[in-house]
Amino acid sequence: MKKYCSVLLAVVMLGLSGCNSTPSEPQQTNSTTADKIEYTIYYSSEATLRERPARQEITGEKAPKIAYVRAETKKFDLLTRNAIDPNPNTVQSRTITIGGKEVTVNYQDSYAGAFSECSVDELKENSFYDRYAIDEGGAEGDNINIHFFRSTGKVQSYMDYNARQAEGGELTEAQALQKAEAELIALYGEDIFARYEFETTSISDNLIYIVYRHFICDYKTTEFILLSYNLQGQLASLDFANPDLFASVEDQITVEAIQKAEPLLRESIPDGLDTIGTMIVMDAEGVAYLRINGYRTDDTGYKYYCEYYINLY
């Protein structure tokens, strides 16, 4: 369980981070942004606004009015998952080839994700999962958890606890990347790389992490796939939380929309923010926002984690 929590932490940090990157020249796309948008900035806590200066009117006489609202009024955390009634229509066991080996897992229980009550059908359909597992116990026994999307039957997440704990090995990051590419093609088809592009690899706790991400107008989004391999070359985990997360609203997230919203957001952020990154994110209602997050340090030296969101349409 401790190892499983470390993967969830890795997923959270990937969603939080923007690697301090802000695109300088976004690619041009067709604009569908409305002439007049009512902007709202959502902030994570009162502490983040204690020293907020009056917003500068950077767009002249037509500067839009902006409301400031606590972020807790929206559901931005998409990692939540709640247990639901067992799926009466599922098969009791499934055999799948994953990580280079064939495993048979048995049905355990079912879960609903953050979009289970969303009005966007495409998001709602991908928000129900059935969990299968195998736990043979002992040092040589398999201990594997797999969540399958109920809508498609494809793998939503995979965890091999034994592979995560394995020590030693000489797998390189380049070799891990080759394995990851082959794995994603086998599980989701070659079209997977039409939407998700390789972003980065990193090594931590004897594991190589590999991230594929979807970008919009050259901005990072919170739509990504995360895999990890141990140094022996075994697939330790895979997480594909929300496939096609932004597909239903992507035509509204244009360069023009971003260029109108981002300056307004930046002008409203207090001085002294140690920025982590800028990303396009979504709430549980299926609405996209631009988010800037980071840390502020108060007079006592205490660090506040801060998040600021602005709607893009």
C-alpha atoms as a PDB file:
ATOM      1  CA  MET A   1       0.000   0.000   0.000  1.00  0.00           C
ATOM      2  CA  LYS A   2       2.889   2.328   0.784  1.00  0.00           C
ATOM      3  CA  LYS A   3       4.328   1.731  -2.688  1.00  0.00           C
ATOM      4  CA  TYR A   4       0.915   2.243  -4.286  1.00  0.00           C
ATOM      5  CA  CYS A   5       0.612   5.605  -2.524  1.00  0.00           C
ATOM      6  CA  SER A   6       3.962   6.636  -3.999  1.00  0.00           C
ATOM      7  CA  VAL A   7       2.572   6.131  -7.506  1.00  0.00           C
ATOM      8  CA  LEU A   8      -0.507   8.162  -6.658  1.00  0.00           C
ATOM      9  CA  LEU A   9       1.805  10.876  -5.371  1.00  0.00           C
ATOM     10  CA  ALA A  10       3.714  10.772  -8.652  1.00  0.00           C
ATOM     11  CA  VAL A  11       0.439  11.192 -10.541  1.00  0.00           C
ATOM     12  CA  VAL A  12      -0.572  14.106  -8.322  1.00  0.00           C
ATOM     13  CA  MET A  13       2.768  15.832  -8.763  1.00  0.00           C
ATOM     14  CA  LEU A  14       2.562  15.402 -12.534  1.00  0.00           C
ATOM     15  CA  GLY A  15      -0.811  17.095 -12.468  1.00  0.00           C
ATOM     16  CA  LEU A  16       0.485  19.881 -10.245  1.00  0.00           C
ATOM     17  CA  SER A  17       3.713  20.583 -12.062  1.00  0.00           C
ATOM     18  CA  GLY A  18       4.255  22.543 -15.210  1.00  0.00           C
ATOM     19  CA  CYS A  19       8.037  22.185 -15.124  1.00  0.00           C
ATOM     20  CA  ASN A  20       8.292  25.984 -15.018  1.00  0.00           C
ATOM     21  CA  SER A  21       7.436  26.202 -18.691  1.00  0.00           C
ATOM     22  CA  THR A  22       5.275  28.819 -20.321  1.00  0.00           C
ATOM     23  CA  PRO A  23       4.961  28.655 -24.116  1.00  0.00           C
ATOM     24  CA  SER A  24       6.341  31.751 -25.814  1.00  0.00           C
ATOM     25  CA  GLU A  25       4.813  31.413 -29.263  1.00  0.00           C
ATOM     26  CA  PRO A  26       1.733  29.168 -29.236  1.00  0.00           C
ATOM     27  CA  GLN A  27       0.746  27.613 -32.551  1.00  0.00           C
ATOM     28  CA  GLN A  28      -2.134  29.386 -34.249  1.00  0.00           C
ATOM     29  CA  THR A  29      -5.529  27.717 -34.356  1.00  0.00           C
ATOM     30  CA  ASN A  30      -8.949  28.781 -35.542  1.00  0.00           C
ATOM     31  CA  SER A  31     -10.569  31.066 -32.987  1.00  0.00           C
ATOM     32  CA  THR A  32     -14.000  30.348 -31.536  1.00  0.00           C
ATOM     33  CA  THR A  33     -13.603  32.573 -28.482  1.00  0.00           C
ATOM     34  CA  ALA A  34     -16.591  34.778 -27.814  1.00  0.00           C
ATOM     35  CA  ASP A  35     -16.077  38.554 -27.920  1.00  0.00           C
ATOM     36  CA  LYS A  36     -17.313  38.950 -24.371  1.00  0.00           C
ATOM     37  CA  ILE A  37     -16.468  36.465 -21.653  1.00  0.00           C
ATOM     38  CA  GLU A  38     -17.316  36.743 -17.988  1.00  0.00           C
ATOM     39  CA  TYR A  39     -14.092  35.764 -16.276  1.00  0.00           C
ATOM     40  CA  THR A  40     -13.811  34.256 -12.833  1.00  0.00           C
ATOM     41  CA  ILE A  41     -10.536  33.638 -11.033  1.00  0.00           C
ATOM     42  CA  TYR A  42     -10.567  30.808  -8.516  1.00  0.00           C
ATOM     43  CA  TYR A  43      -7.948  30.906  -5.764  1.00  0.00           C
ATOM     44  CA  SER A  44      -6.931  28.182  -3.352  1.00  0.00           C
ATOM     45  CA  SER A  45      -6.994  30.038  -0.020  1.00  0.00           C
ATOM     46  CA  GLU A  46      -7.377  33.446   1.564  1.00  0.00           C
ATOM     47  CA  ALA A  47      -3.670  33.459   2.305  1.00  0.00           C
ATOM     48  CA  THR A  48      -2.930  33.564  -1.393  1.00  0.00           C
ATOM     49  CA  LEU A  49      -4.762  36.865  -1.772  1.00  0.00           C
ATOM     50  CA  ARG A  50      -3.650  38.743   1.329  1.00  0.00           C
ATOM     51  CA  GLU A  51      -1.269  40.938  -0.650  1.00  0.00           C
ATOM     52  CA  ARG A  52      -3.082  40.904  -3.959  1.00  0.00           C
ATOM     53  CA  PRO A  53      -2.741  44.326  -5.604  1.00  0.00           C
ATOM     54  CA  ALA A  54      -5.569  45.924  -7.492  1.00  0.00           C
ATOM     55  CA  ARG A  55      -5.741  44.380 -10.951  1.00  0.00           C
ATOM     56  CA  GLN A  56      -4.246  46.562 -13.649  1.00  0.00           C
ATOM     57  CA  GLU A  57      -6.527  47.342 -16.566  1.00  0.00           C
ATOM     58  CA  ILE A  58      -4.326  45.853 -19.240  1.00  0.00           C
ATOM     59  CA  THR A  59      -6.914  45.876 -21.997  1.00  0.00           C
ATOM     60  CA  GLY A  60      -8.028  49.485 -21.847  1.00  0.00           C
ATOM     61  CA  GLU A  61     -11.636  50.607 -21.659  1.00  0.00           C
ATOM     62  CA  LYS A  62     -12.943  47.183 -22.618  1.00  0.00           C
ATOM     63  CA  ALA A  63     -11.217  45.438 -19.739  1.00  0.00           C
ATOM     64  CA  PRO A  64     -13.575  42.675 -18.556  1.00  0.00           C
ATOM     65  CA  LYS A  65     -14.900  42.494 -15.040  1.00  0.00           C
ATOM     66  CA  ILE A  66     -13.444  39.661 -13.017  1.00  0.00           C
ATOM     67  CA  ALA A  67     -14.973  37.864 -10.064  1.00  0.00           C
ATOM     68  CA  TYR A  68     -12.762  36.233  -7.421  1.00  0.00           C
ATOM     69  CA  VAL A  69     -14.052  32.985  -5.920  1.00  0.00           C
ATOM     70  CA  ARG A  70     -12.606  30.318  -3.645  1.00  0.00           C
ATOM     71  CA  ALA A  71     -11.366  27.300  -5.612  1.00  0.00           C
ATOM     72  CA  GLU A  72     -13.177  24.955  -3.253  1.00  0.00           C
ATOM     73  CA  THR A  73     -16.453  25.995  -4.900  1.00  0.00           C
ATOM     74  CA  LYS A  74     -15.302  23.980  -7.910  1.00  0.00           C
ATOM     75  CA  LYS A  75     -14.126  20.390  -8.053  1.00  0.00           C
ATOM     76  CA  PHE A  76     -10.663  20.553  -9.594  1.00  0.00           C
ATOM     77  CA  ASP A  77      -9.384  17.323  -8.022  1.00  0.00           C
ATOM     78  CA  LEU A  78      -9.987  14.649 -10.652  1.00  0.00           C
ATOM     79  CA  LEU A  79      -8.145  11.860  -8.815  1.00  0.00           C
ATOM     80  CA  THR A  80     -10.991  11.085  -6.429  1.00  0.00           C
ATOM     81  CA  ARG A  81     -12.568   7.662  -6.803  1.00  0.00           C
ATOM     82  CA  ASN A  82     -15.538   6.271  -4.887  1.00  0.00           C
ATOM     83  CA  ALA A  83     -16.587   2.667  -4.440  1.00  0.00           C
ATOM     84  CA  ILE A  84     -19.932   1.804  -6.062  1.00  0.00           C
ATOM     85  CA  ASP A  85     -22.181  -1.248  -6.241  1.00  0.00           C
ATOM     86  CA  PRO A  86     -20.636  -4.328  -7.894  1.00  0.00           C
ATOM     87  CA  ASN A  87     -21.050  -4.578 -11.643  1.00  0.00           C
ATOM     88  CA  PRO A  88     -23.544  -7.409 -12.295  1.00  0.00           C
ATOM     89  CA  ASN A  89     -22.648  -7.521 -15.995  1.00  0.00           C
ATOM     90  CA  THR A  90     -18.905  -8.031 -15.680  1.00  0.00           C
ATOM     91  CA  VAL A  91     -17.080 -11.311 -16.170  1.00  0.00           C
ATOM     92  CA  GLN A  92     -15.554 -12.795 -13.040  1.00  0.00           C
ATOM     93  CA  SER A  93     -12.075 -13.266 -14.486  1.00  0.00           C
ATOM     94  CA  ARG A  94     -10.045 -11.764 -17.302  1.00  0.00           C
ATOM     95  CA  THR A  95      -6.826 -12.824 -18.983  1.00  0.00           C
ATOM     96  CA  ILE A  96      -4.622 -10.099 -20.387  1.00  0.00           C
ATOM     97  CA  THR A  97      -1.104  -9.795 -21.717  1.00  0.00           C
ATOM     98  CA  ILE A  98       0.550  -6.799 -20.125  1.00  0.00           C
ATOM     99  CA  GLY A  99       4.121  -6.001 -19.258  1.00  0.00           C
ATOM    100  CA  GLY A 100       5.257  -8.880 -21.424  1.00  0.00           C
ATOM    101  CA  LYS A 101       3.403 -11.547 -19.467  1.00  0.00           C
ATOM    102  CA  GLU A 102      -0.018 -13.118 -19.495  1.00  0.00           C
ATOM    103  CA  VAL A 103      -1.976 -12.806 -16.273  1.00  0.00           C
ATOM    104  CA  THR A 104      -5.430 -13.890 -15.210  1.00  0.00           C
ATOM    105  CA  VAL A 105      -7.099 -11.565 -12.728  1.00  0.00           C
ATOM    106  CA  ASN A 106     -10.369 -11.925 -10.825  1.00  0.00           C
ATOM    107  CA  TYR A 107     -13.083  -9.315 -10.361  1.00  0.00           C
ATOM    108  CA  GLN A 108     -12.987  -7.501  -7.013  1.00  0.00           C
ATOM    109  CA  ASP A 109     -15.107  -4.350  -6.988  1.00  0.00           C
ATOM    110  CA  SER A 110     -16.093  -1.235  -8.936  1.00  0.00           C
ATOM    111  CA  TYR A 111     -15.460   2.502  -8.708  1.00  0.00           C
ATOM    112  CA  ALA A 112     -16.747   5.803 -10.053  1.00  0.00           C
ATOM    113  CA  GLY A 113     -14.380   8.644 -10.897  1.00  0.00           C
ATOM    114  CA  ALA A 114     -14.704  12.405 -10.749  1.00  0.00           C
ATOM    115  CA  PHE A 115     -16.836  12.654 -13.907  1.00  0.00           C
ATOM    116  CA  SER A 116     -19.453  10.084 -12.876  1.00  0.00           C
ATOM    117  CA  GLU A 117     -22.097  12.835 -12.630  1.00  0.00           C
ATOM    118  CA  CYS A 118     -20.759  15.048 -15.415  1.00  0.00           C
ATOM    119  CA  SER A 119     -23.182  16.258 -18.096  1.00  0.00           C
ATOM    120  CA  VAL A 120     -20.557  15.631 -20.793  1.00  0.00           C
ATOM    121  CA  ASP A 121     -21.332  12.109 -21.993  1.00  0.00           C
ATOM    122  CA  GLU A 122     -17.819  11.354 -23.238  1.00  0.00           C
ATOM    123  CA  LEU A 123     -16.339  12.144 -19.831  1.00  0.00           C
ATOM    124  CA  LYS A 124     -19.045  10.346 -17.890  1.00  0.00           C
ATOM    125  CA  GLU A 125     -18.618   7.153 -19.900  1.00  0.00           C
ATOM    126  CA  ASN A 126     -14.936   6.920 -18.989  1.00  0.00           C
ATOM    127  CA  SER A 127     -15.562   7.481 -15.294  1.00  0.00           C
ATOM    128  CA  PHE A 128     -16.550   3.955 -14.264  1.00  0.00           C
ATOM    129  CA  TYR A 129     -13.967   1.270 -13.540  1.00  0.00           C
ATOM    130  CA  ASP A 130     -13.984  -2.392 -12.583  1.00  0.00           C
ATOM    131  CA  ARG A 131     -11.055  -3.593 -10.485  1.00  0.00           C
ATOM    132  CA  TYR A 132      -9.531  -7.010 -10.983  1.00  0.00           C
ATOM    133  CA  ALA A 133      -6.680  -8.481  -8.983  1.00  0.00           C
ATOM    134  CA  ILE A 134      -4.469 -11.456  -8.334  1.00  0.00           C
ATOM    135  CA  ASP A 135      -2.775 -11.977  -4.988  1.00  0.00           C
ATOM    136  CA  GLU A 136      -0.964 -15.274  -4.722  1.00  0.00           C
ATOM    137  CA  GLY A 137       1.067 -14.238  -1.700  1.00  0.00           C
ATOM    138  CA  GLY A 138       4.629 -15.141  -0.930  1.00  0.00           C
ATOM    139  CA  ALA A 139       7.846 -13.849  -2.441  1.00  0.00           C
ATOM    140  CA  GLU A 140       7.256 -15.655  -5.747  1.00  0.00           C
ATOM    141  CA  GLY A 141       3.534 -15.046  -6.047  1.00  0.00           C
ATOM    142  CA  ASP A 142       1.947 -12.390  -8.249  1.00  0.00           C
ATOM    143  CA  ASN A 143       0.377  -9.377  -6.574  1.00  0.00           C
ATOM    144  CA  ILE A 144      -1.320  -7.355  -9.292  1.00  0.00           C
ATOM    145  CA  ASN A 145      -4.172  -4.831  -9.469  1.00  0.00           C
ATOM    146  CA  ILE A 146      -5.783  -3.772 -12.750  1.00  0.00           C
ATOM    147  CA  HIS A 147      -8.612  -1.295 -13.260  1.00  0.00           C
ATOM    148  CA  PHE A 148     -10.481  -1.584 -16.554  1.00  0.00           C
ATOM    149  CA  PHE A 149     -12.648   1.120 -18.107  1.00  0.00           C
ATOM    150  CA  ARG A 150     -16.177  -0.240 -18.007  1.00  0.00           C
ATOM    151  CA  SER A 151     -17.043   1.568 -21.250  1.00  0.00           C
ATOM    152  CA  THR A 152     -14.240   0.098 -23.393  1.00  0.00           C
ATOM    153  CA  GLY A 153     -12.731  -2.740 -21.396  1.00  0.00           C
ATOM    154  CA  LYS A 154      -9.280  -1.198 -21.826  1.00  0.00           C
ATOM    155  CA  VAL A 155      -6.758  -0.824 -19.014  1.00  0.00           C
ATOM    156  CA  GLN A 156      -7.201   2.302 -16.894  1.00  0.00           C
ATOM    157  CA  SER A 157      -4.476   1.484 -14.392  1.00  0.00           C
ATOM    158  CA  TYR A 158      -2.063  -1.336 -13.631  1.00  0.00           C
ATOM    159  CA  MET A 159       0.001  -2.062 -10.547  1.00  0.00           C
ATOM    160  CA  ASP A 160       2.456  -4.907 -10.064  1.00  0.00           C
ATOM    161  CA  TYR A 161       3.495  -4.645  -6.424  1.00  0.00           C
ATOM    162  CA  ASN A 162       6.287  -7.207  -6.740  1.00  0.00           C
ATOM    163  CA  ALA A 163       7.773  -5.393  -9.728  1.00  0.00           C
ATOM    164  CA  ARG A 164       7.726  -2.126  -7.783  1.00  0.00           C
ATOM    165  CA  GLN A 165       9.690  -3.662  -4.942  1.00  0.00           C
ATOM    166  CA  ALA A 166      12.271  -5.457  -7.107  1.00  0.00           C
ATOM    167  CA  GLU A 167      15.815  -4.207  -6.665  1.00  0.00           C
ATOM    168  CA  GLY A 168      18.818  -4.244  -8.972  1.00  0.00           C
ATOM    169  CA  GLY A 169      18.976  -4.217 -12.743  1.00  0.00           C
ATOM    170  CA  GLU A 170      20.570  -2.221 -15.530  1.00  0.00           C
ATOM    171  CA  LEU A 171      17.637  -0.953 -17.593  1.00  0.00           C
ATOM    172  CA  THR A 172      18.386   2.414 -19.177  1.00  0.00           C
ATOM    173  CA  GLU A 173      15.919   5.229 -19.736  1.00  0.00           C
ATOM    174  CA  ALA A 174      16.194   4.715 -23.505  1.00  0.00           C
ATOM    175  CA  GLN A 175      15.346   1.025 -23.132  1.00  0.00           C
ATOM    176  CA  ALA A 176      12.443   1.839 -20.832  1.00  0.00           C
ATOM    177  CA  LEU A 177      11.099   4.277 -23.411  1.00  0.00           C
ATOM    178  CA  GLN A 178      11.182   1.574 -26.082  1.00  0.00           C
ATOM    179  CA  LYS A 179       9.272  -0.757 -23.784  1.00  0.00           C
ATOM    180  CA  ALA A 180       6.712   1.943 -23.000  1.00  0.00           C
ATOM    181  CA  GLU A 181       6.049   2.693 -26.668  1.00  0.00           C
ATOM    182  CA  ALA A 182       5.507  -0.989 -27.431  1.00  0.00           C
ATOM    183  CA  GLU A 183       3.268  -1.395 -24.384  1.00  0.00           C
ATOM    184  CA  LEU A 184       1.008   1.527 -25.286  1.00  0.00           C
ATOM    185  CA  ILE A 185       0.624   0.285 -28.859  1.00  0.00           C
ATOM    186  CA  ALA A 186      -0.268  -3.189 -27.621  1.00  0.00           C
ATOM    187  CA  LEU A 187      -2.852  -1.873 -25.158  1.00  0.00           C
ATOM    188  CA  TYR A 188      -4.364   1.080 -27.038  1.00  0.00           C
ATOM    189  CA  GLY A 189      -3.251   0.869 -30.675  1.00  0.00           C
ATOM    190  CA  GLU A 190      -0.830   2.962 -32.736  1.00  0.00           C
ATOM    191  CA  ASP A 191      -3.263   5.901 -32.813  1.00  0.00           C
ATOM    192  CA  ILE A 192      -2.390   6.583 -29.180  1.00  0.00           C
ATOM    193  CA  PHE A 193       0.612   8.631 -30.325  1.00  0.00           C
ATOM    194  CA  ALA A 194      -1.539  10.862 -32.502  1.00  0.00           C
ATOM    195  CA  ARG A 195      -2.826  12.444 -29.295  1.00  0.00           C
ATOM    196  CA  TYR A 196      -0.147  11.757 -26.684  1.00  0.00           C
ATOM    197  CA  GLU A 197       3.481  12.661 -27.203  1.00  0.00           C
ATOM    198  CA  PHE A 198       6.494  11.673 -25.157  1.00  0.00           C
ATOM    199  CA  GLU A 199       7.308  14.293 -22.548  1.00  0.00           C
ATOM    200  CA  THR A 200       9.939  13.057 -20.122  1.00  0.00           C
ATOM    201  CA  THR A 201      11.640  10.228 -18.252  1.00  0.00           C
ATOM    202  CA  SER A 202      12.959  10.298 -14.698  1.00  0.00           C
ATOM    203  CA  ILE A 203      14.424   7.854 -12.181  1.00  0.00           C
ATOM    204  CA  SER A 204      13.310   7.561  -8.558  1.00  0.00           C
ATOM    205  CA  ASP A 205      13.408   4.719  -6.010  1.00  0.00           C
ATOM    206  CA  ASN A 206      14.786   2.174  -8.477  1.00  0.00           C
ATOM    207  CA  LEU A 207      12.008   2.977 -10.957  1.00  0.00           C
ATOM    208  CA  ILE A 208      12.071   4.715 -14.312  1.00  0.00           C
ATOM    209  CA  TYR A 209       9.011   6.917 -14.857  1.00  0.00           C
ATOM    210  CA  ILE A 210       7.842   7.778 -18.359  1.00  0.00           C
ATOM    211  CA  VAL A 211       5.244  10.419 -19.192  1.00  0.00           C
ATOM    212  CA  TYR A 212       3.229  10.931 -22.370  1.00  0.00           C
ATOM    213  CA  ARG A 213       1.116  14.071 -22.434  1.00  0.00           C
ATOM    214  CA  HIS A 214      -1.470  15.821 -24.563  1.00  0.00           C
ATOM    215  CA  PHE A 215      -0.712  19.453 -25.416  1.00  0.00           C
ATOM    216  CA  ILE A 216      -3.106  22.172 -26.575  1.00  0.00           C
ATOM    217  CA  CYS A 217      -1.677  25.226 -28.341  1.00  0.00           C
ATOM    218  CA  ASP A 218       1.728  24.123 -27.000  1.00  0.00           C
ATOM    219  CA  TYR A 219       0.469  24.338 -23.419  1.00  0.00           C
ATOM    220  CA  LYS A 220       0.683  21.323 -21.151  1.00  0.00           C
ATOM    221  CA  THR A 221      -2.578  19.765 -20.060  1.00  0.00           C
ATOM    222  CA  THR A 222      -3.453  17.436 -17.210  1.00  0.00           C
ATOM    223  CA  GLU A 223      -4.263  14.733 -19.768  1.00  0.00           C
ATOM    224  CA  PHE A 224      -1.376  12.276 -19.628  1.00  0.00           C
ATOM    225  CA  ILE A 225      -0.244   8.651 -19.350  1.00  0.00           C
ATOM    226  CA  LEU A 226       2.285   7.600 -16.719  1.00  0.00           C
ATOM    227  CA  LEU A 227       4.250   4.338 -16.788  1.00  0.00           C
ATOM    228  CA  SER A 228       7.012   3.038 -14.537  1.00  0.00           C
ATOM    229  CA  TYR A 229       9.542   0.238 -15.007  1.00  0.00           C
ATOM    230  CA  ASN A 230      11.919  -1.283 -12.520  1.00  0.00           C
ATOM    231  CA  LEU A 231      15.569  -1.554 -13.477  1.00  0.00           C
ATOM    232  CA  GLN A 232      15.074  -5.228 -14.314  1.00  0.00           C
ATOM    233  CA  GLY A 233      12.815  -4.151 -17.173  1.00  0.00           C
ATOM    234  CA  GLN A 234       9.477  -5.145 -15.636  1.00  0.00           C
ATOM    235  CA  LEU A 235       6.414  -2.920 -15.982  1.00  0.00           C
ATOM    236  CA  ALA A 236       5.624  -1.785 -12.447  1.00  0.00           C
ATOM    237  CA  SER A 237       2.680   0.544 -13.053  1.00  0.00           C
ATOM    238  CA  LEU A 238       0.581   2.331 -15.647  1.00  0.00           C
ATOM    239  CA  ASP A 239      -1.968   5.077 -15.133  1.00  0.00           C
ATOM    240  CA  PHE A 240      -4.276   6.426 -17.859  1.00  0.00           C
ATOM    241  CA  ALA A 241      -6.819   8.279 -15.763  1.00  0.00           C
ATOM    242  CA  ASN A 242      -8.824  10.324 -18.273  1.00  0.00           C
ATOM    243  CA  PRO A 243      -8.364   9.508 -21.961  1.00  0.00           C
ATOM    244  CA  ASP A 244      -9.405  12.256 -24.380  1.00  0.00           C
ATOM    245  CA  LEU A 245     -10.019  14.513 -21.380  1.00  0.00           C
ATOM    246  CA  PHE A 246     -10.196  17.734 -23.419  1.00  0.00           C
ATOM    247  CA  ALA A 247     -11.580  16.335 -26.675  1.00  0.00           C
ATOM    248  CA  SER A 248     -15.091  17.686 -26.131  1.00  0.00           C
ATOM    249  CA  VAL A 249     -13.931  21.289 -25.503  1.00  0.00           C
ATOM    250  CA  GLU A 250     -10.719  21.499 -27.489  1.00  0.00           C
ATOM    251  CA  ASP A 251     -12.223  23.638 -30.231  1.00  0.00           C
ATOM    252  CA  GLN A 252     -12.929  26.326 -27.610  1.00  0.00           C
ATOM    253  CA  ILE A 253      -9.379  26.384 -26.234  1.00  0.00           C
ATOM    254  CA  THR A 254      -7.793  28.564 -28.897  1.00  0.00           C
ATOM    255  CA  VAL A 255      -4.674  30.697 -28.918  1.00  0.00           C
ATOM    256  CA  GLU A 256      -6.890  33.777 -28.798  1.00  0.00           C
ATOM    257  CA  ALA A 257      -8.769  32.456 -25.758  1.00  0.00           C
ATOM    258  CA  ILE A 258      -5.519  31.744 -23.924  1.00  0.00           C
ATOM    259  CA  GLN A 259      -3.972  35.092 -24.849  1.00  0.00           C
ATOM    260  CA  LYS A 260      -7.008  36.923 -23.471  1.00  0.00           C
ATOM    261  CA  ALA A 261      -7.214  34.965 -20.229  1.00  0.00           C
ATOM    262  CA  GLU A 262      -3.587  34.467 -19.228  1.00  0.00           C
ATOM    263  CA  PRO A 263      -2.628  38.159 -18.776  1.00  0.00           C
ATOM    264  CA  LEU A 264      -5.737  38.718 -16.646  1.00  0.00           C
ATOM    265  CA  LEU A 265      -4.787  35.798 -14.456  1.00  0.00           C
ATOM    266  CA  ARG A 266      -1.157  36.841 -14.088  1.00  0.00           C
ATOM    267  CA  GLU A 267      -2.108  40.421 -13.221  1.00  0.00           C
ATOM    268  CA  SER A 268      -4.237  39.101 -10.366  1.00  0.00           C
ATOM    269  CA  ILE A 269      -1.592  36.927  -8.732  1.00  0.00           C
ATOM    270  CA  PRO A 270       0.194  38.417  -5.728  1.00  0.00           C
ATOM    271  CA  ASP A 271       3.864  39.275  -5.958  1.00  0.00           C
ATOM    272  CA  GLY A 272       6.273  36.749  -4.543  1.00  0.00           C
ATOM    273  CA  LEU A 273       4.763  33.581  -6.001  1.00  0.00           C
ATOM    274  CA  ASP A 274       7.384  30.935  -6.710  1.00  0.00           C
ATOM    275  CA  THR A 275       5.679  29.532  -9.787  1.00  0.00           C
ATOM    276  CA  ILE A 276       5.702  25.811 -10.494  1.00  0.00           C
ATOM    277  CA  GLY A 277       4.043  25.998 -13.871  1.00  0.00           C
ATOM    278  CA  THR A 278       1.184  26.967 -16.168  1.00  0.00           C
ATOM    279  CA  MET A 279      -1.216  24.303 -17.402  1.00  0.00           C
ATOM    280  CA  ILE A 280      -4.616  23.783 -18.969  1.00  0.00           C
ATOM    281  CA  VAL A 281      -6.816  21.880 -16.532  1.00  0.00           C
ATOM    282  CA  MET A 282     -10.440  20.793 -16.221  1.00  0.00           C
ATOM    283  CA  ASP A 283     -12.981  20.670 -13.436  1.00  0.00           C
ATOM    284  CA  ALA A 284     -15.386  17.811 -12.768  1.00  0.00           C
ATOM    285  CA  GLU A 285     -18.120  19.587 -14.733  1.00  0.00           C
ATOM    286  CA  GLY A 286     -16.080  19.384 -17.931  1.00  0.00           C
ATOM    287  CA  VAL A 287     -15.019  23.055 -18.115  1.00  0.00           C
ATOM    288  CA  ALA A 288     -11.420  23.958 -19.006  1.00  0.00           C
ATOM    289  CA  TYR A 289      -9.295  26.531 -17.195  1.00  0.00           C
ATOM    290  CA  LEU A 290      -5.820  27.925 -17.300  1.00  0.00           C
ATOM    291  CA  ARG A 291      -4.026  27.263 -14.006  1.00  0.00           C
ATOM    292  CA  ILE A 292      -0.934  28.825 -12.500  1.00  0.00           C
ATOM    293  CA  ASN A 293       0.343  27.227  -9.310  1.00  0.00           C
ATOM    294  CA  GLY A 294       3.277  27.616  -6.980  1.00  0.00           C
ATOM    295  CA  TYR A 295       4.336  28.577  -3.468  1.00  0.00           C
ATOM    296  CA  ARG A 296       4.328  31.804  -1.466  1.00  0.00           C
ATOM    297  CA  THR A 297       6.317  32.338   1.719  1.00  0.00           C
ATOM    298  CA  ASP A 298       4.817  34.516   4.448  1.00  0.00           C
ATOM    299  CA  ASP A 299       6.645  36.681   6.977  1.00  0.00           C
ATOM    300  CA  THR A 300       7.121  33.731   9.318  1.00  0.00           C
ATOM    301  CA  GLY A 301       8.787  31.628   6.626  1.00  0.00           C
ATOM    302  CA  TYR A 302       5.772  29.362   6.192  1.00  0.00           C
ATOM    303  CA  LYS A 303       5.187  28.202   2.608  1.00  0.00           C
ATOM    304  CA  TYR A 304       1.685  28.232   1.179  1.00  0.00           C
ATOM    305  CA  TYR A 305       0.830  26.111  -1.812  1.00  0.00           C
ATOM    306  CA  CYS A 306      -1.252  28.327  -4.116  1.00  0.00           C
ATOM    307  CA  GLU A 307      -3.420  27.683  -7.133  1.00  0.00           C
ATOM    308  CA  TYR A 308      -5.070  30.216  -9.441  1.00  0.00           C
ATOM    309  CA  TYR A 309      -7.532  29.306 -12.193  1.00  0.00           C
ATOM    310  CA  ILE A 310      -9.274  31.342 -14.878  1.00  0.00           C
ATOM    311  CA  ASN A 311     -11.944  30.111 -17.277  1.00  0.00           C
ATOM    312  CA  LEU A 312     -10.942  30.066 -20.943  1.00  0.00           C
ATOM    313  CA  TYR A 313     -14.402  30.440 -22.492  1.00  0.00           C
END
